[in-house]
Amino acid sequence: NNLLLVDIENPQTVLKDLGQLVRGKGYSFGTFINILCHGHFVYALGIDDPANPLTLLRISLADDSVFIYNDDSAGKELMPYISYAESVEFPTTDNGMNAYGFLYRPKNPDYIPDKNE
């Protein structure tokens, strides 16, 4: 699994292979989920071993540095913004069948919901 930064106007153009960059620094993350781009940083949850908990990392697009958050640093800076998946089940129009998915509720202290939501 790769984490690729692509040109939004030409998605076939890979600007940077962030997965390779992270692994090149000695980390063994094979999967990245919950990816967020903010400024010159990419934040992602990395999985290196299914037996281990997810690891929050920050990749700098400016200097290719990788910062691994621990509980203390993540709690102060980012944890208020990270939402976690909730399993949802809902009916479909297909003969009483149900569909399943994941819902990520906003968990952002800066978020103001639309009054119509």
PDB file of N, CA and C in Angstrom:
ATOM      1  N   ASN A   1       0.843  -1.183   0.000  1.00  0.00           N
ATOM      2  CA  ASN A   1       0.000   0.000   0.000  1.00  0.00           C
ATOM      3  C   ASN A   1       0.885   1.241   0.000  1.00  0.00           C
ATOM      4  N   ASN A   2       0.514   2.197  -0.827  1.00  0.00           N
ATOM      5  CA  ASN A   2       1.287   3.424  -0.917  1.00  0.00           C
ATOM      6  C   ASN A   2       0.443   4.611  -0.510  1.00  0.00           C
ATOM      7  N   LEU A   3       1.110   5.638  -0.086  1.00  0.00           N
ATOM      8  CA  LEU A   3       0.494   6.919   0.213  1.00  0.00           C
ATOM      9  C   LEU A   3       1.106   7.890  -0.783  1.00  0.00           C
ATOM     10  N   LEU A   4       0.340   8.214  -1.828  1.00  0.00           N
ATOM     11  CA  LEU A   4       0.864   9.018  -2.921  1.00  0.00           C
ATOM     12  C   LEU A   4       0.276  10.419  -2.884  1.00  0.00           C
ATOM     13  N   LEU A   5       1.114  11.395  -3.063  1.00  0.00           N
ATOM     14  CA  LEU A   5       0.673  12.773  -3.228  1.00  0.00           C
ATOM     15  C   LEU A   5       0.589  13.003  -4.727  1.00  0.00           C
ATOM     16  N   VAL A   6      -0.616  13.328  -5.217  1.00  0.00           N
ATOM     17  CA  VAL A   6      -0.800  13.476  -6.659  1.00  0.00           C
ATOM     18  C   VAL A   6      -1.212  14.906  -7.000  1.00  0.00           C
ATOM     19  N   ASP A   7      -1.007  15.254  -8.240  1.00  0.00           N
ATOM     20  CA  ASP A   7      -1.421  16.546  -8.774  1.00  0.00           C
ATOM     21  C   ASP A   7      -2.936  16.490  -8.969  1.00  0.00           C
ATOM     22  N   ILE A   8      -3.680  17.367  -8.291  1.00  0.00           N
ATOM     23  CA  ILE A   8      -5.140  17.315  -8.349  1.00  0.00           C
ATOM     24  C   ILE A   8      -5.667  17.577  -9.763  1.00  0.00           C
ATOM     25  N   GLU A   9      -4.932  18.348 -10.548  1.00  0.00           N
ATOM     26  CA  GLU A   9      -5.371  18.631 -11.917  1.00  0.00           C
ATOM     27  C   GLU A   9      -4.994  17.510 -12.882  1.00  0.00           C
ATOM     28  N   ASN A  10      -4.042  16.682 -12.488  1.00  0.00           N
ATOM     29  CA  ASN A  10      -3.622  15.558 -13.310  1.00  0.00           C
ATOM     30  C   ASN A  10      -3.315  14.384 -12.373  1.00  0.00           C
ATOM     31  N   PRO A  11      -4.363  13.663 -11.921  1.00  0.00           N
ATOM     32  CA  PRO A  11      -4.181  12.629 -10.895  1.00  0.00           C
ATOM     33  C   PRO A  11      -3.190  11.525 -11.240  1.00  0.00           C
ATOM     34  N   GLN A  12      -2.845  11.357 -12.505  1.00  0.00           N
ATOM     35  CA  GLN A  12      -1.862  10.340 -12.867  1.00  0.00           C
ATOM     36  C   GLN A  12      -0.448  10.793 -12.531  1.00  0.00           C
ATOM     37  N   THR A  13      -0.273  12.076 -12.220  1.00  0.00           N
ATOM     38  CA  THR A  13       1.045  12.611 -11.918  1.00  0.00           C
ATOM     39  C   THR A  13       1.317  12.496 -10.418  1.00  0.00           C
ATOM     40  N   VAL A  14       2.211  11.607 -10.045  1.00  0.00           N
ATOM     41  CA  VAL A  14       2.571  11.425  -8.640  1.00  0.00           C
ATOM     42  C   VAL A  14       3.640  12.458  -8.289  1.00  0.00           C
ATOM     43  N   LEU A  15       3.320  13.334  -7.354  1.00  0.00           N
ATOM     44  CA  LEU A  15       4.269  14.352  -6.933  1.00  0.00           C
ATOM     45  C   LEU A  15       5.274  13.803  -5.925  1.00  0.00           C
ATOM     46  N   LYS A  16       4.805  12.908  -5.059  1.00  0.00           N
ATOM     47  CA  LYS A  16       5.688  12.353  -4.040  1.00  0.00           C
ATOM     48  C   LYS A  16       5.079  11.057  -3.529  1.00  0.00           C
ATOM     49  N   ASP A  17       5.886  10.016  -3.401  1.00  0.00           N
ATOM     50  CA  ASP A  17       5.438   8.752  -2.821  1.00  0.00           C
ATOM     51  C   ASP A  17       5.744   8.823  -1.326  1.00  0.00           C
ATOM     52  N   LEU A  18       4.752   9.251  -0.563  1.00  0.00           N
ATOM     53  CA  LEU A  18       4.964   9.455   0.871  1.00  0.00           C
ATOM     54  C   LEU A  18       5.152   8.140   1.612  1.00  0.00           C
ATOM     55  N   GLY A  19       4.509   7.070   1.151  1.00  0.00           N
ATOM     56  CA  GLY A  19       4.709   5.762   1.782  1.00  0.00           C
ATOM     57  C   GLY A  19       6.157   5.325   1.669  1.00  0.00           C
ATOM     58  N   GLN A  20       6.735   5.488   0.496  1.00  0.00           N
ATOM     59  CA  GLN A  20       8.145   5.134   0.290  1.00  0.00           C
ATOM     60  C   GLN A  20       9.050   6.049   1.120  1.00  0.00           C
ATOM     61  N   LEU A  21       8.696   7.322   1.193  1.00  0.00           N
ATOM     62  CA  LEU A  21       9.483   8.272   1.988  1.00  0.00           C
ATOM     63  C   LEU A  21       9.519   7.829   3.459  1.00  0.00           C
ATOM     64  N   VAL A  22       8.342   7.479   4.005  1.00  0.00           N
ATOM     65  CA  VAL A  22       8.251   7.062   5.411  1.00  0.00           C
ATOM     66  C   VAL A  22       9.037   5.776   5.634  1.00  0.00           C
ATOM     67  N   ARG A  23       8.861   4.793   4.748  1.00  0.00           N
ATOM     68  CA  ARG A  23       9.585   3.525   4.907  1.00  0.00           C
ATOM     69  C   ARG A  23      11.085   3.728   4.718  1.00  0.00           C
ATOM     70  N   GLY A  24      11.480   4.679   3.880  1.00  0.00           N
ATOM     71  CA  GLY A  24      12.893   4.980   3.676  1.00  0.00           C
ATOM     72  C   GLY A  24      13.559   5.555   4.914  1.00  0.00           C
ATOM     73  N   LYS A  25      12.752   6.061   5.847  1.00  0.00           N
ATOM     74  CA  LYS A  25      13.287   6.591   7.101  1.00  0.00           C
ATOM     75  C   LYS A  25      13.321   5.528   8.195  1.00  0.00           C
ATOM     76  N   GLY A  26      13.028   4.282   7.811  1.00  0.00           N
ATOM     77  CA  GLY A  26      13.155   3.184   8.758  1.00  0.00           C
ATOM     78  C   GLY A  26      11.863   2.734   9.408  1.00  0.00           C
ATOM     79  N   TYR A  27      10.744   3.363   9.068  1.00  0.00           N
ATOM     80  CA  TYR A  27       9.461   2.947   9.628  1.00  0.00           C
ATOM     81  C   TYR A  27       8.861   1.877   8.721  1.00  0.00           C
ATOM     82  N   SER A  28       8.086   0.977   9.312  1.00  0.00           N
ATOM     83  CA  SER A  28       7.594  -0.165   8.534  1.00  0.00           C
ATOM     84  C   SER A  28       6.098  -0.101   8.261  1.00  0.00           C
ATOM     85  N   PHE A  29       5.526   1.102   8.201  1.00  0.00           N
ATOM     86  CA  PHE A  29       4.091   1.220   7.956  1.00  0.00           C
ATOM     87  C   PHE A  29       3.754   0.707   6.563  1.00  0.00           C
ATOM     88  N   GLY A  30       2.794  -0.217   6.500  1.00  0.00           N
ATOM     89  CA  GLY A  30       2.371  -0.755   5.224  1.00  0.00           C
ATOM     90  C   GLY A  30       1.053  -0.189   4.751  1.00  0.00           C
ATOM     91  N   THR A  31       0.281   0.368   5.676  1.00  0.00           N
ATOM     92  CA  THR A  31      -1.042   0.899   5.360  1.00  0.00           C
ATOM     93  C   THR A  31      -1.210   2.247   6.042  1.00  0.00           C
ATOM     94  N   PHE A  32      -1.869   3.166   5.344  1.00  0.00           N
ATOM     95  CA  PHE A  32      -2.158   4.491   5.884  1.00  0.00           C
ATOM     96  C   PHE A  32      -3.655   4.740   5.747  1.00  0.00           C
ATOM     97  N   ILE A  33      -4.274   5.255   6.824  1.00  0.00           N
ATOM     98  CA  ILE A  33      -5.706   5.553   6.798  1.00  0.00           C
ATOM     99  C   ILE A  33      -5.935   6.924   7.424  1.00  0.00           C
ATOM    100  N   ASN A  34      -7.154   7.423   7.299  1.00  0.00           N
ATOM    101  CA  ASN A  34      -7.561   8.714   7.873  1.00  0.00           C
ATOM    102  C   ASN A  34      -6.547   9.802   7.531  1.00  0.00           C
ATOM    103  N   ILE A  35      -6.334  10.024   6.266  1.00  0.00           N
ATOM    104  CA  ILE A  35      -5.304  10.943   5.792  1.00  0.00           C
ATOM    105  C   ILE A  35      -5.865  12.364   5.729  1.00  0.00           C
ATOM    106  N   LEU A  36      -5.106  13.304   6.250  1.00  0.00           N
ATOM    107  CA  LEU A  36      -5.503  14.708   6.272  1.00  0.00           C
ATOM    108  C   LEU A  36      -4.336  15.550   5.790  1.00  0.00           C
ATOM    109  N   CYS A  37      -4.582  16.430   4.851  1.00  0.00           N
ATOM    110  CA  CYS A  37      -3.566  17.384   4.401  1.00  0.00           C
ATOM    111  C   CYS A  37      -3.907  18.731   5.000  1.00  0.00           C
ATOM    112  N   HIS A  38      -2.918  19.363   5.611  1.00  0.00           N
ATOM    113  CA  HIS A  38      -3.123  20.672   6.229  1.00  0.00           C
ATOM    114  C   HIS A  38      -1.845  21.478   6.065  1.00  0.00           C
ATOM    115  N   GLY A  39      -1.909  22.530   5.276  1.00  0.00           N
ATOM    116  CA  GLY A  39      -0.722  23.334   5.026  1.00  0.00           C
ATOM    117  C   GLY A  39       0.337  22.498   4.329  1.00  0.00           C
ATOM    118  N   HIS A  40       1.538  22.513   4.869  1.00  0.00           N
ATOM    119  CA  HIS A  40       2.652  21.751   4.290  1.00  0.00           C
ATOM    120  C   HIS A  40       2.813  20.389   4.949  1.00  0.00           C
ATOM    121  N   PHE A  41       1.772  19.934   5.642  1.00  0.00           N
ATOM    122  CA  PHE A  41       1.852  18.667   6.346  1.00  0.00           C
ATOM    123  C   PHE A  41       0.781  17.694   5.871  1.00  0.00           C
ATOM    124  N   VAL A  42       1.121  16.423   5.933  1.00  0.00           N
ATOM    125  CA  VAL A  42       0.168  15.340   5.726  1.00  0.00           C
ATOM    126  C   VAL A  42       0.134  14.559   7.029  1.00  0.00           C
ATOM    127  N   TYR A  43      -1.066  14.376   7.573  1.00  0.00           N
ATOM    128  CA  TYR A  43      -1.256  13.584   8.778  1.00  0.00           C
ATOM    129  C   TYR A  43      -1.929  12.282   8.379  1.00  0.00           C
ATOM    130  N   ALA A  44      -1.520  11.191   8.981  1.00  0.00           N
ATOM    131  CA  ALA A  44      -2.122   9.893   8.667  1.00  0.00           C
ATOM    132  C   ALA A  44      -1.962   8.961   9.859  1.00  0.00           C
ATOM    133  N   LEU A  45      -2.866   8.003   9.922  1.00  0.00           N
ATOM    134  CA  LEU A  45      -2.703   6.908  10.865  1.00  0.00           C
ATOM    135  C   LEU A  45      -2.002   5.793  10.104  1.00  0.00           C
ATOM    136  N   GLY A  46      -0.916   5.311  10.665  1.00  0.00           N
ATOM    137  CA  GLY A  46      -0.136   4.260  10.032  1.00  0.00           C
ATOM    138  C   GLY A  46      -0.304   2.943  10.763  1.00  0.00           C
ATOM    139  N   ILE A  47      -0.331   1.872   9.978  1.00  0.00           N
ATOM    140  CA  ILE A  47      -0.414   0.525  10.541  1.00  0.00           C
ATOM    141  C   ILE A  47       0.848  -0.222  10.115  1.00  0.00           C
ATOM    142  N   ASP A  48       1.608  -0.696  11.098  1.00  0.00           N
ATOM    143  CA  ASP A  48       2.803  -1.475  10.763  1.00  0.00           C
ATOM    144  C   ASP A  48       2.626  -2.941  11.106  1.00  0.00           C
ATOM    145  N   ASP A  49       1.752  -3.232  12.065  1.00  0.00           N
ATOM    146  CA  ASP A  49       1.502  -4.599  12.491  1.00  0.00           C
ATOM    147  C   ASP A  49       0.079  -4.630  13.031  1.00  0.00           C
ATOM    148  N   PRO A  50      -0.776  -5.499  12.511  1.00  0.00           N
ATOM    149  CA  PRO A  50      -2.166  -5.530  12.976  1.00  0.00           C
ATOM    150  C   PRO A  50      -2.302  -5.738  14.480  1.00  0.00           C
ATOM    151  N   ALA A  51      -1.294  -6.289  15.121  1.00  0.00           N
ATOM    152  CA  ALA A  51      -1.351  -6.501  16.567  1.00  0.00           C
ATOM    153  C   ALA A  51      -1.065  -5.219  17.340  1.00  0.00           C
ATOM    154  N   ASN A  52      -0.501  -4.209  16.683  1.00  0.00           N
ATOM    155  CA  ASN A  52      -0.163  -2.949  17.342  1.00  0.00           C
ATOM    156  C   ASN A  52      -1.253  -1.912  17.085  1.00  0.00           C
ATOM    157  N   PRO A  53      -1.404  -0.963  18.001  1.00  0.00           N
ATOM    158  CA  PRO A  53      -2.375   0.104  17.760  1.00  0.00           C
ATOM    159  C   PRO A  53      -1.912   0.995  16.606  1.00  0.00           C
ATOM    160  N   LEU A  54      -2.831   1.782  16.096  1.00  0.00           N
ATOM    161  CA  LEU A  54      -2.505   2.723  15.038  1.00  0.00           C
ATOM    162  C   LEU A  54      -1.524   3.773  15.543  1.00  0.00           C
ATOM    163  N   THR A  55      -0.686   4.256  14.644  1.00  0.00           N
ATOM    164  CA  THR A  55       0.295   5.276  14.985  1.00  0.00           C
ATOM    165  C   THR A  55      -0.006   6.532  14.185  1.00  0.00           C
ATOM    166  N   LEU A  56      -0.086   7.653  14.869  1.00  0.00           N
ATOM    167  CA  LEU A  56      -0.327   8.923  14.199  1.00  0.00           C
ATOM    168  C   LEU A  56       1.006   9.516  13.772  1.00  0.00           C
ATOM    169  N   LEU A  57       1.104   9.883  12.486  1.00  0.00           N
ATOM    170  CA  LEU A  57       2.342  10.487  12.015  1.00  0.00           C
ATOM    171  C   LEU A  57       2.059  11.744  11.212  1.00  0.00           C
ATOM    172  N   ARG A  58       3.060  12.610  11.171  1.00  0.00           N
ATOM    173  CA  ARG A  58       3.004  13.852  10.398  1.00  0.00           C
ATOM    174  C   ARG A  58       4.177  13.867   9.444  1.00  0.00           C
ATOM    175  N   ILE A  59       3.894  14.074   8.167  1.00  0.00           N
ATOM    176  CA  ILE A  59       4.932  14.120   7.142  1.00  0.00           C
ATOM    177  C   ILE A  59       5.002  15.554   6.630  1.00  0.00           C
ATOM    178  N   SER A  60       6.177  16.137   6.644  1.00  0.00           N
ATOM    179  CA  SER A  60       6.367  17.492   6.140  1.00  0.00           C
ATOM    180  C   SER A  60       6.621  17.442   4.642  1.00  0.00           C
ATOM    181  N   LEU A  61       5.821  18.176   3.895  1.00  0.00           N
ATOM    182  CA  LEU A  61       6.043  18.263   2.453  1.00  0.00           C
ATOM    183  C   LEU A  61       7.181  19.219   2.133  1.00  0.00           C
ATOM    184  N   ALA A  62       7.540  20.060   3.091  1.00  0.00           N
ATOM    185  CA  ALA A  62       8.607  21.034   2.869  1.00  0.00           C
ATOM    186  C   ALA A  62       9.995  20.404   2.952  1.00  0.00           C
ATOM    187  N   ASP A  63      10.193  19.527   3.956  1.00  0.00           N
ATOM    188  CA  ASP A  63      11.547  18.978   4.140  1.00  0.00           C
ATOM    189  C   ASP A  63      11.581  17.453   4.237  1.00  0.00           C
ATOM    190  N   ASP A  64      10.454  16.793   3.960  1.00  0.00           N
ATOM    191  CA  ASP A  64      10.355  15.324   3.988  1.00  0.00           C
ATOM    192  C   ASP A  64      10.601  14.717   5.363  1.00  0.00           C
ATOM    193  N   SER A  65      10.478  15.508   6.415  1.00  0.00           N
ATOM    194  CA  SER A  65      10.652  14.937   7.753  1.00  0.00           C
ATOM    195  C   SER A  65       9.385  14.176   8.151  1.00  0.00           C
ATOM    196  N   VAL A  66       9.560  13.210   9.042  1.00  0.00           N
ATOM    197  CA  VAL A  66       8.455  12.405   9.544  1.00  0.00           C
ATOM    198  C   VAL A  66       8.473  12.513  11.059  1.00  0.00           C
ATOM    199  N   PHE A  67       7.339  12.888  11.626  1.00  0.00           N
ATOM    200  CA  PHE A  67       7.212  12.997  13.074  1.00  0.00           C
ATOM    201  C   PHE A  67       6.182  11.975  13.533  1.00  0.00           C
ATOM    202  N   ILE A  68       6.564  11.140  14.477  1.00  0.00           N
ATOM    203  CA  ILE A  68       5.671  10.139  15.051  1.00  0.00           C
ATOM    204  C   ILE A  68       5.141  10.691  16.370  1.00  0.00           C
ATOM    205  N   TYR A  69       3.830  10.816  16.457  1.00  0.00           N
ATOM    206  CA  TYR A  69       3.221  11.333  17.681  1.00  0.00           C
ATOM    207  C   TYR A  69       3.161  10.250  18.734  1.00  0.00           C
ATOM    208  N   ASN A  70       3.442  10.641  19.960  1.00  0.00           N
ATOM    209  CA  ASN A  70       3.186   9.758  21.087  1.00  0.00           C
ATOM    210  C   ASN A  70       1.930  10.273  21.783  1.00  0.00           C
ATOM    211  N   ASP A  71       1.490   9.623  22.819  1.00  0.00           N
ATOM    212  CA  ASP A  71       0.242  10.012  23.475  1.00  0.00           C
ATOM    213  C   ASP A  71       0.267  11.461  23.954  1.00  0.00           C
ATOM    214  N   ASP A  72       1.403  11.913  24.476  1.00  0.00           N
ATOM    215  CA  ASP A  72       1.473  13.272  24.999  1.00  0.00           C
ATOM    216  C   ASP A  72       1.380  14.319  23.892  1.00  0.00           C
ATOM    217  N   SER A  73       2.180  14.180  22.858  1.00  0.00           N
ATOM    218  CA  SER A  73       2.182  15.197  21.807  1.00  0.00           C
ATOM    219  C   SER A  73       0.898  15.171  20.986  1.00  0.00           C
ATOM    220  N   ALA A  74       0.345  14.002  20.729  1.00  0.00           N
ATOM    221  CA  ALA A  74      -0.893  13.920  19.953  1.00  0.00           C
ATOM    222  C   ALA A  74      -2.062  14.483  20.750  1.00  0.00           C
ATOM    223  N   GLY A  75      -2.062  14.207  22.046  1.00  0.00           N
ATOM    224  CA  GLY A  75      -3.151  14.686  22.880  1.00  0.00           C
ATOM    225  C   GLY A  75      -3.249  16.199  22.892  1.00  0.00           C
ATOM    226  N   LYS A  76      -2.127  16.857  22.894  1.00  0.00           N
ATOM    227  CA  LYS A  76      -2.122  18.308  22.957  1.00  0.00           C
ATOM    228  C   LYS A  76      -2.472  18.961  21.638  1.00  0.00           C
ATOM    229  N   GLU A  77      -1.956  18.414  20.549  1.00  0.00           N
ATOM    230  CA  GLU A  77      -2.075  19.095  19.267  1.00  0.00           C
ATOM    231  C   GLU A  77      -3.219  18.593  18.392  1.00  0.00           C
ATOM    232  N   LEU A  78      -3.381  17.280  18.274  1.00  0.00           N
ATOM    233  CA  LEU A  78      -4.277  16.762  17.242  1.00  0.00           C
ATOM    234  C   LEU A  78      -5.473  15.955  17.707  1.00  0.00           C
ATOM    235  N   MET A  79      -5.396  15.331  18.845  1.00  0.00           N
ATOM    236  CA  MET A  79      -6.469  14.418  19.235  1.00  0.00           C
ATOM    237  C   MET A  79      -7.852  15.082  19.248  1.00  0.00           C
ATOM    238  N   PRO A  80      -7.963  16.375  19.572  1.00  0.00           N
ATOM    239  CA  PRO A  80      -9.296  16.984  19.503  1.00  0.00           C
ATOM    240  C   PRO A  80      -9.896  16.978  18.098  1.00  0.00           C
ATOM    241  N   TYR A  81      -9.083  16.747  17.066  1.00  0.00           N
ATOM    242  CA  TYR A  81      -9.550  16.809  15.681  1.00  0.00           C
ATOM    243  C   TYR A  81      -9.761  15.445  15.034  1.00  0.00           C
ATOM    244  N   ILE A  82      -9.390  14.376  15.691  1.00  0.00           N
ATOM    245  CA  ILE A  82      -9.446  13.052  15.075  1.00  0.00           C
ATOM    246  C   ILE A  82     -10.747  12.360  15.422  1.00  0.00           C
ATOM    247  N   SER A  83     -11.492  11.985  14.384  1.00  0.00           N
ATOM    248  CA  SER A  83     -12.720  11.225  14.603  1.00  0.00           C
ATOM    249  C   SER A  83     -12.458   9.758  14.274  1.00  0.00           C
ATOM    250  N   TYR A  84     -13.244   8.908  14.877  1.00  0.00           N
ATOM    251  CA  TYR A  84     -13.083   7.486  14.680  1.00  0.00           C
ATOM    252  C   TYR A  84     -14.335   6.917  14.026  1.00  0.00           C
ATOM    253  N   ALA A  85     -14.147   5.893  13.259  1.00  0.00           N
ATOM    254  CA  ALA A  85     -15.252   5.287  12.508  1.00  0.00           C
ATOM    255  C   ALA A  85     -16.258   4.632  13.435  1.00  0.00           C
ATOM    256  N   GLU A  86     -17.525   4.846  13.107  1.00  0.00           N
ATOM    257  CA  GLU A  86     -18.624   4.141  13.766  1.00  0.00           C
ATOM    258  C   GLU A  86     -19.274   3.253  12.707  1.00  0.00           C
ATOM    259  N   SER A  87     -19.503   2.000  13.036  1.00  0.00           N
ATOM    260  CA  SER A  87     -20.200   1.110  12.105  1.00  0.00           C
ATOM    261  C   SER A  87     -21.653   1.536  12.018  1.00  0.00           C
ATOM    262  N   VAL A  88     -22.177   1.594  10.791  1.00  0.00           N
ATOM    263  CA  VAL A  88     -23.586   1.935  10.600  1.00  0.00           C
ATOM    264  C   VAL A  88     -24.222   0.890   9.695  1.00  0.00           C
ATOM    265  N   GLU A  89     -25.505   0.701   9.917  1.00  0.00           N
ATOM    266  CA  GLU A  89     -26.299  -0.210   9.098  1.00  0.00           C
ATOM    267  C   GLU A  89     -27.563   0.540   8.713  1.00  0.00           C
ATOM    268  N   PHE A  90     -27.958   0.437   7.448  1.00  0.00           N
ATOM    269  CA  PHE A  90     -29.162   1.137   7.009  1.00  0.00           C
ATOM    270  C   PHE A  90     -29.863   0.314   5.933  1.00  0.00           C
ATOM    271  N   PRO A  91     -31.186   0.473   5.853  1.00  0.00           N
ATOM    272  CA  PRO A  91     -31.954  -0.310   4.886  1.00  0.00           C
ATOM    273  C   PRO A  91     -31.720   0.186   3.458  1.00  0.00           C
ATOM    274  N   THR A  92     -31.870  -0.734   2.509  1.00  0.00           N
ATOM    275  CA  THR A  92     -31.774  -0.390   1.092  1.00  0.00           C
ATOM    276  C   THR A  92     -33.133  -0.642   0.445  1.00  0.00           C
ATOM    277  N   THR A  93     -33.228  -0.338  -0.825  1.00  0.00           N
ATOM    278  CA  THR A  93     -34.467  -0.609  -1.562  1.00  0.00           C
ATOM    279  C   THR A  93     -34.434  -1.984  -2.209  1.00  0.00           C
ATOM    280  N   ASP A  94     -33.431  -2.783  -1.894  1.00  0.00           N
ATOM    281  CA  ASP A  94     -33.233  -4.096  -2.511  1.00  0.00           C
ATOM    282  C   ASP A  94     -33.806  -5.205  -1.634  1.00  0.00           C
ATOM    283  N   ASN A  95     -35.094  -5.437  -1.736  1.00  0.00           N
ATOM    284  CA  ASN A  95     -35.762  -6.548  -1.054  1.00  0.00           C
ATOM    285  C   ASN A  95     -35.422  -6.676   0.423  1.00  0.00           C
ATOM    286  N   GLY A  96     -35.467  -5.593   1.142  1.00  0.00           N
ATOM    287  CA  GLY A  96     -35.234  -5.642   2.571  1.00  0.00           C
ATOM    288  C   GLY A  96     -33.792  -5.874   2.987  1.00  0.00           C
ATOM    289  N   MET A  97     -32.867  -5.750   2.063  1.00  0.00           N
ATOM    290  CA  MET A  97     -31.451  -5.936   2.393  1.00  0.00           C
ATOM    291  C   MET A  97     -30.923  -4.694   3.112  1.00  0.00           C
ATOM    292  N   ASN A  98     -29.923  -4.889   3.925  1.00  0.00           N
ATOM    293  CA  ASN A  98     -29.276  -3.776   4.611  1.00  0.00           C
ATOM    294  C   ASN A  98     -27.901  -3.514   4.023  1.00  0.00           C
ATOM    295  N   ALA A  99     -27.494  -2.272   4.106  1.00  0.00           N
ATOM    296  CA  ALA A  99     -26.150  -1.880   3.693  1.00  0.00           C
ATOM    297  C   ALA A  99     -25.368  -1.512   4.944  1.00  0.00           C
ATOM    298  N   TYR A 100     -24.055  -1.605   4.849  1.00  0.00           N
ATOM    299  CA  TYR A 100     -23.189  -1.336   5.986  1.00  0.00           C
ATOM    300  C   TYR A 100     -22.103  -0.359   5.561  1.00  0.00           C
ATOM    301  N   GLY A 101     -21.662   0.430   6.487  1.00  0.00           N
ATOM    302  CA  GLY A 101     -20.607   1.384   6.175  1.00  0.00           C
ATOM    303  C   GLY A 101     -20.006   1.945   7.446  1.00  0.00           C
ATOM    304  N   PHE A 102     -19.208   2.971   7.272  1.00  0.00           N
ATOM    305  CA  PHE A 102     -18.573   3.649   8.398  1.00  0.00           C
ATOM    306  C   PHE A 102     -18.947   5.115   8.365  1.00  0.00           C
ATOM    307  N   LEU A 103     -19.236   5.657   9.522  1.00  0.00           N
ATOM    308  CA  LEU A 103     -19.568   7.062   9.676  1.00  0.00           C
ATOM    309  C   LEU A 103     -18.482   7.713  10.518  1.00  0.00           C
ATOM    310  N   TYR A 104     -17.923   8.794  10.007  1.00  0.00           N
ATOM    311  CA  TYR A 104     -16.943   9.578  10.751  1.00  0.00           C
ATOM    312  C   TYR A 104     -17.608  10.889  11.149  1.00  0.00           C
ATOM    313  N   ARG A 105     -18.061  10.970  12.382  1.00  0.00           N
ATOM    314  CA  ARG A 105     -18.689  12.204  12.855  1.00  0.00           C
ATOM    315  C   ARG A 105     -17.606  13.276  13.032  1.00  0.00           C
ATOM    316  N   PRO A 106     -17.951  14.508  12.736  1.00  0.00           N
ATOM    317  CA  PRO A 106     -16.956  15.570  12.937  1.00  0.00           C
ATOM    318  C   PRO A 106     -16.527  15.629  14.398  1.00  0.00           C
ATOM    319  N   LYS A 107     -15.249  15.675  14.593  1.00  0.00           N
ATOM    320  CA  LYS A 107     -14.692  15.834  15.937  1.00  0.00           C
ATOM    321  C   LYS A 107     -13.642  16.924  15.815  1.00  0.00           C
ATOM    322  N   ASN A 108     -14.128  18.123  15.705  1.00  0.00           N
ATOM    323  CA  ASN A 108     -13.266  19.259  15.423  1.00  0.00           C
ATOM    324  C   ASN A 108     -13.768  20.429  16.240  1.00  0.00           C
ATOM    325  N   PRO A 109     -12.997  20.902  17.175  1.00  0.00           N
ATOM    326  CA  PRO A 109     -13.471  22.009  18.002  1.00  0.00           C
ATOM    327  C   PRO A 109     -13.744  23.280  17.200  1.00  0.00           C
ATOM    328  N   ASP A 110     -13.216  23.373  15.986  1.00  0.00           N
ATOM    329  CA  ASP A 110     -13.446  24.545  15.147  1.00  0.00           C
ATOM    330  C   ASP A 110     -14.660  24.380  14.232  1.00  0.00           C
ATOM    331  N   TYR A 111     -15.253  23.182  14.202  1.00  0.00           N
ATOM    332  CA  TYR A 111     -16.365  22.882  13.300  1.00  0.00           C
ATOM    333  C   TYR A 111     -17.659  23.480  13.831  1.00  0.00           C
ATOM    334  N   ILE A 112     -18.385  24.139  12.944  1.00  0.00           N
ATOM    335  CA  ILE A 112     -19.711  24.651  13.269  1.00  0.00           C
ATOM    336  C   ILE A 112     -20.680  24.002  12.285  1.00  0.00           C
ATOM    337  N   PRO A 113     -21.583  23.143  12.783  1.00  0.00           N
ATOM    338  CA  PRO A 113     -22.484  22.451  11.865  1.00  0.00           C
ATOM    339  C   PRO A 113     -23.477  23.406  11.206  1.00  0.00           C
ATOM    340  N   ASP A 114     -23.867  23.054  10.000  1.00  0.00           N
ATOM    341  CA  ASP A 114     -24.892  23.781   9.285  1.00  0.00           C
ATOM    342  C   ASP A 114     -26.208  23.559  10.023  1.00  0.00           C
ATOM    343  N   LYS A 115     -26.997  24.607  10.187  1.00  0.00           N
ATOM    344  CA  LYS A 115     -28.267  24.481  10.920  1.00  0.00           C
ATOM    345  C   LYS A 115     -29.227  23.528  10.238  1.00  0.00           C
ATOM    346  N   ASN A 116     -29.039  23.265   8.945  1.00  0.00           N
ATOM    347  CA  ASN A 116     -29.929  22.374   8.204  1.00  0.00           C
ATOM    348  C   ASN A 116     -29.518  20.917   8.300  1.00  0.00           C
ATOM    349  N   GLU A 117     -28.393  20.605   8.931  1.00  0.00           N
ATOM    350  CA  GLU A 117     -27.935  19.215   9.017  1.00  0.00           C
ATOM    351  C   GLU A 117     -28.689  18.463  10.082  1.00  0.00           C
TER     352      GLU A 117
END
